[in-house]
């Protein structure tokens, strides 16, 4: 049995970036920063100053490439192989962090993650999600490592566009629904039952204070509710798969997310937003009552998550496109975590049912 619960250390605080060097110095004297163009711009000056104060040289600052793709992983691995850096520092969102987790695994280097958005639990897991260079889902890469240290500056998260936090809520909601599905195939034990309990707490936390956290970002105010939601999205949700392992993996919602990425028009929609719609479709496959689905959609309306294909840019699919969606989605390994066999037609029917129900509630969106 092997369990990787999450990062070795997680620290979250206001203005934390100013003290980053005091935490990173234990990993060595030289570092490379790898991340998105915007995220590096946000953190590099403060990070470099803090590293210098603790006699750490930031030797390189590199763009991760824009997609968590094998090509970008290979390129960065080759570029850093002989760079003589002691520690890798990654910043940005899930794709950036996943890319560098795979690079750190290949190079066998310590890894520090500095998320600039709270949109996924990538900073707290040992796996990387791979995409093509064009953004289509490929698979789950297990030649990846959990960060040795995660530093979360809550002020930086607060200043990010609120849509990132909303997407993080959508992605994290899936922990409860997918864990409930995937664990049905497992023999109960202390680890997977602990994972189920954590997933339940994650779900209730988001229902109770998710809207408050969204409001905090909209008003640029660091609140306890926001910090609790940040911790829930980035750290606590990652521990569900950490404790549950293969018994508590992502399932139908993420498989449907991956299936929908075959349509280029959805690439402007964030991961967690698409996953949120995937939850609705998974619940349709599980014959969840319409009342329960409407209650969940009501929460989506409250926090700003999409619940129709049209809200994600997908309109007027042809029958051949529907068929391609169904056939591709059932090949995603996450779909095998459902407690029953899923056919392409089941996927098509579920997506259509979720979309129809969502469209029926569009007129009920609260006025802004």
Protein backbone atom coordinates (compact mmCIF):
# COMPACT_ATOMS: atom_id res chain seq x y z
CA UNK A 1 0.00 0.00 0.00
CA UNK A 2 1.29 3.45 -0.97
CA UNK A 3 -0.35 6.68 0.18
CA UNK A 4 0.67 10.20 -0.85
CA UNK A 5 -1.68 12.43 1.11
CA UNK A 6 -0.46 15.75 -0.26
CA UNK A 7 2.47 18.18 -0.16
CA UNK A 8 5.06 17.79 2.54
CA UNK A 9 4.25 21.29 3.85
CA UNK A 10 1.48 23.80 3.13
CA UNK A 11 1.62 27.41 4.30
CA UNK A 12 -1.05 30.02 3.61
CA UNK A 13 -1.07 33.62 4.79
CA UNK A 14 -1.45 37.24 3.70
CA UNK A 15 1.72 38.75 2.16
CA UNK A 16 3.41 35.36 2.43
CA UNK A 17 5.46 35.96 -0.70
CA UNK A 18 7.56 38.52 1.14
CA UNK A 19 8.85 35.72 3.38
CA UNK A 20 9.13 33.00 0.71
CA UNK A 21 12.91 32.83 0.90
CA UNK A 22 12.85 31.86 4.57
CA UNK A 23 10.92 28.71 3.65
CA UNK A 24 12.70 27.90 0.40
CA UNK A 25 16.27 28.24 1.69
CA UNK A 26 16.27 24.72 3.12
CA UNK A 27 16.22 23.33 -0.43
CA UNK A 28 19.46 24.94 -1.61
CA UNK A 29 21.16 28.05 -2.92
CA UNK A 30 19.98 28.18 -6.54
CA UNK A 31 16.49 28.10 -8.01
CA UNK A 32 14.55 28.24 -11.26
CA UNK A 33 11.07 29.78 -11.52
CA UNK A 34 8.68 28.20 -14.03
CA UNK A 35 5.13 29.34 -14.62
CA UNK A 36 2.65 31.26 -16.70
CA UNK A 37 3.45 34.62 -18.24
CA UNK A 38 1.01 36.48 -15.99
CA UNK A 39 1.76 34.53 -12.82
CA UNK A 40 5.51 35.04 -13.09
CA UNK A 41 4.88 38.74 -13.55
CA UNK A 42 2.86 38.74 -10.34
CA UNK A 43 5.38 36.96 -8.13
CA UNK A 44 8.84 37.30 -9.62
CA UNK A 45 9.96 40.65 -8.21
CA UNK A 46 8.84 39.91 -4.64
CA UNK A 47 10.11 36.35 -4.85
CA UNK A 48 13.50 37.34 -6.21
CA UNK A 49 13.89 39.96 -3.47
CA UNK A 50 13.02 37.46 -0.74
CA UNK A 51 15.31 34.81 -2.20
CA UNK A 52 18.19 37.29 -2.40
CA UNK A 53 17.67 38.24 1.24
CA UNK A 54 18.26 34.59 2.11
CA UNK A 55 21.25 34.19 -0.24
CA UNK A 56 19.38 32.19 -2.88
CA UNK A 57 20.08 32.93 -6.53
CA UNK A 58 17.10 32.81 -8.90
CA UNK A 59 19.04 31.67 -11.97
CA UNK A 60 16.20 31.31 -14.47
CA UNK A 61 12.61 32.40 -15.05
CA UNK A 62 10.87 30.27 -17.68
CA UNK A 63 7.43 30.10 -19.30
CA UNK A 64 5.94 26.63 -18.86
CA UNK A 65 4.57 26.62 -22.38
CA UNK A 66 0.83 27.21 -22.07
CA UNK A 67 -0.30 23.59 -21.85
CA UNK A 68 0.49 20.71 -19.54
CA UNK A 69 1.75 18.71 -22.51
CA UNK A 70 4.44 16.10 -22.95
CA UNK A 71 6.24 18.39 -25.36
CA UNK A 72 6.50 21.13 -22.73
CA UNK A 73 7.56 18.67 -20.04
CA UNK A 74 10.30 17.28 -22.29
CA UNK A 75 11.45 20.75 -23.36
CA UNK A 76 11.76 22.04 -19.80
CA UNK A 77 13.42 18.85 -18.60
CA UNK A 78 16.07 19.16 -21.30
CA UNK A 79 16.56 22.87 -20.65
CA UNK A 80 17.01 22.40 -16.89
CA UNK A 81 18.93 19.14 -16.93
CA UNK A 82 22.35 20.81 -16.86
CA UNK A 83 21.27 24.13 -15.36
CA UNK A 84 22.72 23.42 -11.91
CA UNK A 85 19.69 24.55 -9.92
CA UNK A 86 18.90 23.10 -6.51
CA UNK A 87 15.15 23.69 -6.41
CA UNK A 88 12.34 24.24 -8.90
CA UNK A 89 9.65 26.82 -8.10
CA UNK A 90 6.40 26.75 -10.04
CA UNK A 91 3.72 29.40 -10.05
CA UNK A 92 0.35 29.88 -11.71
CA UNK A 93 -2.62 27.57 -12.12
CA UNK A 94 -3.15 23.85 -12.47
CA UNK A 95 -1.61 23.34 -15.90
CA UNK A 96 1.56 25.20 -14.97
CA UNK A 97 1.91 23.37 -11.67
CA UNK A 98 1.19 19.96 -13.24
CA UNK A 99 3.81 20.57 -15.93
CA UNK A 100 6.52 21.36 -13.40
CA UNK A 101 5.49 18.48 -11.13
CA UNK A 102 6.34 16.16 -14.02
CA UNK A 103 9.60 18.01 -14.71
CA UNK A 104 10.62 17.82 -11.04
CA UNK A 105 9.94 14.08 -11.11
CA UNK A 106 12.16 13.62 -14.17
CA UNK A 107 14.98 15.73 -12.70
CA UNK A 108 14.54 14.44 -9.14
CA UNK A 109 14.54 18.00 -7.79
CA UNK A 110 12.74 19.55 -4.79
CA UNK A 111 9.63 21.42 -5.85
CA UNK A 112 7.95 24.51 -4.39
CA UNK A 113 4.51 25.50 -5.69
CA UNK A 114 3.16 29.05 -5.43
CA UNK A 115 -0.42 28.99 -6.76
CA UNK A 116 -1.65 32.40 -7.91
CA UNK A 117 -5.24 31.19 -8.29
CA UNK A 118 -7.42 28.81 -6.29
CA UNK A 119 -8.87 26.88 -9.22
CA UNK A 120 -7.72 23.27 -8.67
CA UNK A 121 -5.99 20.99 -6.16
CA UNK A 122 -3.01 20.49 -8.49
CA UNK A 123 -0.59 21.82 -5.86
CA UNK A 124 -1.59 19.07 -3.43
CA UNK A 125 -1.52 15.96 -5.62
CA UNK A 126 1.25 13.71 -6.99
CA UNK A 127 -0.30 13.32 -10.48
CA UNK A 128 -0.25 15.56 -13.55
CA UNK A 129 -3.04 15.92 -16.10
CA UNK A 130 -1.69 15.77 -19.64
CA UNK A 131 -3.13 17.63 -22.63
CA UNK A 132 -2.14 17.95 -26.25
CA UNK A 133 -0.45 21.18 -27.30
CA UNK A 134 -3.91 22.23 -28.54
CA UNK A 135 -5.61 21.68 -25.17
CA UNK A 136 -7.32 18.31 -25.71
CA UNK A 137 -7.20 15.93 -22.74
CA UNK A 138 -4.80 13.00 -23.17
CA UNK A 139 -4.48 11.26 -19.82
CA UNK A 140 -3.18 11.16 -16.26
CA UNK A 141 0.60 11.19 -15.81
CA UNK A 142 1.84 9.39 -12.70
CA UNK A 143 5.49 10.18 -13.32
CA UNK A 144 4.93 13.33 -11.31
CA UNK A 145 5.56 14.44 -7.75
CA UNK A 146 3.65 16.25 -5.06
CA UNK A 147 5.34 19.54 -4.16
CA UNK A 148 7.66 19.53 -1.17
CA UNK A 149 6.28 22.93 -0.18
CA UNK A 150 3.18 24.91 -1.15
CA UNK A 151 3.13 28.64 -0.42
CA UNK A 152 -0.23 30.38 -0.79
CA UNK A 153 -0.40 34.15 -0.53
CA UNK A 154 -4.08 34.84 0.09
CA UNK A 155 -3.73 38.45 -1.10
CA UNK A 156 -2.55 37.27 -4.51
CA UNK A 157 -5.49 34.86 -4.74
CA UNK A 158 -7.87 37.69 -3.83
CA UNK A 159 -6.57 39.89 -6.65
CA UNK A 160 -7.06 37.21 -9.31
CA UNK A 161 -10.21 37.37 -11.48
CA UNK A 162 -13.12 35.93 -9.49
CA UNK A 163 -13.89 33.46 -12.26
CA UNK A 164 -10.85 31.41 -11.22
CA UNK A 165 -12.20 30.94 -7.70
CA UNK A 166 -15.62 30.05 -9.08
CA UNK A 167 -14.01 27.43 -11.31
CA UNK A 168 -12.14 26.10 -8.27
CA UNK A 169 -15.43 25.69 -6.44
CA UNK A 170 -16.81 23.74 -9.42
CA UNK A 171 -13.82 21.42 -9.59
CA UNK A 172 -13.87 20.85 -5.85
CA UNK A 173 -17.60 20.10 -5.67
CA UNK A 174 -16.85 17.07 -7.82
CA UNK A 175 -14.84 15.47 -5.01
CA UNK A 176 -18.06 14.57 -3.20
CA UNK A 177 -20.02 13.27 -6.15
CA UNK A 178 -17.16 11.36 -7.75
CA UNK A 179 -15.90 9.88 -4.50
CA UNK A 180 -19.38 8.62 -3.72
CA UNK A 181 -19.44 6.90 -7.10
CA UNK A 182 -15.92 5.48 -7.25
CA UNK A 183 -15.82 4.16 -3.69
CA UNK A 184 -18.78 1.86 -4.41
CA UNK A 185 -16.38 -0.46 -6.25
CA UNK A 186 -14.02 -0.71 -3.26
CA UNK A 187 -13.89 -2.77 -0.09
CA UNK A 188 -14.39 -0.34 2.81
CA UNK A 189 -11.29 0.43 4.87
CA UNK A 190 -10.11 3.22 7.14
CA UNK A 191 -8.39 5.10 4.31
CA UNK A 192 -11.21 5.22 1.79
CA UNK A 193 -13.81 5.88 4.46
CA UNK A 194 -11.71 8.79 5.75
CA UNK A 195 -11.56 10.10 2.19
CA UNK A 196 -15.36 9.91 1.91
CA UNK A 197 -15.74 11.81 5.18
CA UNK A 198 -13.35 14.54 4.00
CA UNK A 199 -15.17 14.79 0.67
CA UNK A 200 -18.44 15.27 2.52
CA UNK A 201 -16.95 18.05 4.64
CA UNK A 202 -15.51 19.69 1.53
CA UNK A 203 -18.95 19.68 -0.10
CA UNK A 204 -20.73 21.11 2.93
CA UNK A 205 -18.09 23.82 3.35
CA UNK A 206 -18.53 25.00 -0.23
CA UNK A 207 -22.32 25.02 0.08
CA UNK A 208 -22.14 27.04 3.28
CA UNK A 209 -19.49 29.66 2.47
CA UNK A 210 -18.76 29.41 -1.24
CA UNK A 211 -20.84 32.46 -2.08
CA UNK A 212 -19.20 34.46 0.73
CA UNK A 213 -15.77 33.58 -0.67
CA UNK A 214 -16.82 34.73 -4.14
CA UNK A 215 -18.04 38.00 -2.66
CA UNK A 216 -14.69 38.43 -0.86
CA UNK A 217 -12.82 38.29 -4.17
CA UNK A 218 -15.32 40.60 -5.83
CA UNK A 219 -14.75 43.16 -3.06
CA UNK A 220 -10.97 42.48 -2.90
CA UNK A 221 -11.19 41.59 0.78
CA UNK A 222 -9.30 38.76 2.49
CA UNK A 223 -11.83 37.11 4.82
CA UNK A 224 -11.87 33.96 6.91
CA UNK A 225 -14.46 32.49 4.54
CA UNK A 226 -12.22 33.12 1.56
CA UNK A 227 -9.18 31.61 3.23
CA UNK A 228 -11.21 28.56 4.27
CA UNK A 229 -12.37 28.09 0.68
CA UNK A 230 -8.81 28.57 -0.63
CA UNK A 231 -7.59 25.84 1.74
CA UNK A 232 -10.53 23.64 0.77
CA UNK A 233 -9.84 23.93 -2.95
CA UNK A 234 -6.05 23.73 -2.97
CA UNK A 235 -5.24 21.46 -0.03
CA UNK A 236 -8.14 19.63 1.61
CA UNK A 237 -9.73 18.41 -1.62
CA UNK A 238 -6.39 16.97 -2.72
CA UNK A 239 -6.26 14.84 0.42
CA UNK A 240 -9.41 12.99 -0.67
CA UNK A 241 -7.56 11.17 -3.43
CA UNK A 242 -4.48 11.16 -1.19
CA UNK A 243 -6.19 9.05 1.47
CA UNK A 244 -8.57 7.22 -0.85
CA UNK A 245 -6.02 6.34 -3.51
CA UNK A 246 -7.45 4.33 -6.38
CA UNK A 247 -10.67 3.78 -4.40
CA UNK A 248 -11.60 7.48 -4.46
CA UNK A 249 -10.62 8.80 -7.84
CA UNK A 250 -12.25 11.21 -10.22
CA UNK A 251 -15.04 9.58 -12.18
CA UNK A 252 -17.88 10.52 -14.52
CA UNK A 253 -17.78 14.31 -14.05
CA UNK A 254 -14.10 14.55 -15.02
CA UNK A 255 -14.50 12.03 -17.82
CA UNK A 256 -17.27 14.17 -19.32
CA UNK A 257 -15.05 17.23 -18.87
CA UNK A 258 -12.33 15.46 -20.82
CA UNK A 259 -14.81 14.42 -23.50
CA UNK A 260 -16.03 17.98 -23.95
CA UNK A 261 -12.48 19.20 -24.59
CA UNK A 262 -12.68 17.68 -28.09
CA UNK A 263 -14.70 20.78 -29.02
CA UNK A 264 -12.36 23.78 -29.54
CA UNK A 265 -15.08 26.24 -28.54
CA UNK A 266 -14.97 24.96 -24.96
CA UNK A 267 -11.26 25.76 -24.54
CA UNK A 268 -12.10 29.27 -23.33
CA UNK A 269 -14.07 27.72 -20.46
CA UNK A 270 -12.07 26.87 -17.34
CA UNK A 271 -11.49 23.33 -16.13
CA UNK A 272 -13.66 23.60 -13.03
CA UNK A 273 -16.49 25.23 -14.95
CA UNK A 274 -16.68 22.29 -17.35
CA UNK A 275 -16.32 19.81 -14.48
CA UNK A 276 -19.30 21.46 -12.76
CA UNK A 277 -21.43 20.70 -15.81
CA UNK A 278 -19.92 17.20 -15.82
CA UNK A 279 -21.26 16.71 -12.29
CA UNK A 280 -24.78 17.35 -13.54
CA UNK A 281 -24.34 14.86 -16.36
CA UNK A 282 -22.87 12.25 -14.00
CA UNK A 283 -25.85 12.66 -11.69
CA UNK A 284 -28.17 12.18 -14.67
CA UNK A 285 -26.40 8.89 -15.42
CA UNK A 286 -26.98 7.91 -11.81
CA UNK A 287 -30.72 8.66 -12.12
CA UNK A 288 -30.59 11.43 -9.53
CA UNK A 289 -33.96 13.07 -8.92
CA UNK A 290 -34.80 16.25 -10.82
CA UNK A 291 -35.40 18.09 -7.54
CA UNK A 292 -31.87 17.28 -6.37
CA UNK A 293 -30.40 18.40 -9.68
CA UNK A 294 -32.36 21.66 -9.56
CA UNK A 295 -31.11 22.33 -6.04
CA UNK A 296 -27.54 21.93 -7.22
CA UNK A 297 -28.15 24.15 -10.26
CA UNK A 298 -29.59 26.72 -7.87
CA UNK A 299 -26.23 26.77 -6.10
CA UNK A 300 -24.47 27.11 -9.46
CA UNK A 301 -26.61 30.17 -10.14
CA UNK A 302 -25.68 31.59 -6.75
CA UNK A 303 -21.92 31.34 -7.25
CA UNK A 304 -21.79 31.79 -11.03
CA UNK A 305 -21.05 28.31 -12.41
CA UNK A 306 -22.29 27.27 -15.88
CA UNK A 307 -25.01 24.65 -16.15
CA UNK A 308 -25.71 24.51 -19.90
CA UNK A 309 -23.61 23.73 -22.95
CA UNK A 310 -24.43 27.14 -24.39
CA UNK A 311 -22.85 28.87 -21.38
CA UNK A 312 -19.63 27.04 -22.29
CA UNK A 313 -19.77 28.05 -25.96
CA UNK A 314 -21.12 24.75 -27.32
CA UNK A 315 -24.14 25.13 -29.59
CA UNK A 316 -25.83 23.13 -32.34
CA UNK A 317 -23.87 19.89 -32.16
CA UNK A 318 -24.41 17.58 -35.12
CA UNK A 319 -25.36 13.95 -34.58
CA UNK A 320 -21.86 12.91 -35.58
CA UNK A 321 -20.40 15.28 -32.96
CA UNK A 322 -22.71 13.85 -30.31
CA UNK A 323 -21.57 10.36 -31.27
CA UNK A 324 -17.92 11.38 -31.15
CA UNK A 325 -18.47 12.86 -27.69
CA UNK A 326 -20.02 9.65 -26.40
CA UNK A 327 -17.45 7.35 -27.96
CA UNK A 328 -14.47 9.39 -26.78
CA UNK A 329 -15.75 9.99 -23.26
CA UNK A 330 -16.13 6.28 -22.43
CA UNK A 331 -12.45 5.75 -23.31
CA UNK A 332 -11.33 8.15 -20.57
CA UNK A 333 -9.88 6.09 -17.72
CA UNK A 334 -11.83 8.09 -15.15
CA UNK A 335 -15.10 6.75 -16.54
CA UNK A 336 -14.03 3.26 -15.47
CA UNK A 337 -14.30 4.48 -11.87
CA UNK A 338 -18.08 4.64 -12.17
CA UNK A 339 -19.77 1.72 -10.34
CA UNK A 340 -21.45 0.54 -13.55
CA UNK A 341 -20.47 0.19 -17.19
CA UNK A 342 -21.06 3.40 -19.14
CA UNK A 343 -21.88 3.29 -22.84
CA UNK A 344 -21.51 6.11 -25.37
CA UNK A 345 -25.29 6.45 -25.58
CA UNK A 346 -25.50 6.85 -21.78
CA UNK A 347 -23.04 9.75 -22.01
CA UNK A 348 -24.99 11.39 -24.83
CA UNK A 349 -28.30 10.98 -23.02
CA UNK A 350 -26.89 12.30 -19.74
CA UNK A 351 -25.28 15.38 -21.30
CA UNK A 352 -28.47 16.16 -23.20
CA UNK A 353 -30.60 15.68 -20.09
CA UNK A 354 -28.37 17.91 -17.98
CA UNK A 355 -28.33 20.57 -20.70
CA UNK A 356 -32.10 20.46 -21.11
CA UNK A 357 -32.66 20.80 -17.38
CA UNK A 358 -30.17 23.66 -17.18
CA UNK A 359 -31.75 25.49 -20.08
CA UNK A 360 -35.07 25.23 -18.31
CA UNK A 361 -33.58 27.14 -15.38
CA UNK A 362 -31.80 29.86 -17.34
CA UNK A 363 -34.73 32.20 -16.88
CA UNK A 364 -34.42 31.72 -13.13
CA UNK A 365 -30.94 33.26 -12.89
CA UNK A 366 -31.01 35.89 -10.14
CA UNK A 367 -30.62 39.47 -11.33
CA UNK A 368 -27.14 40.86 -10.80
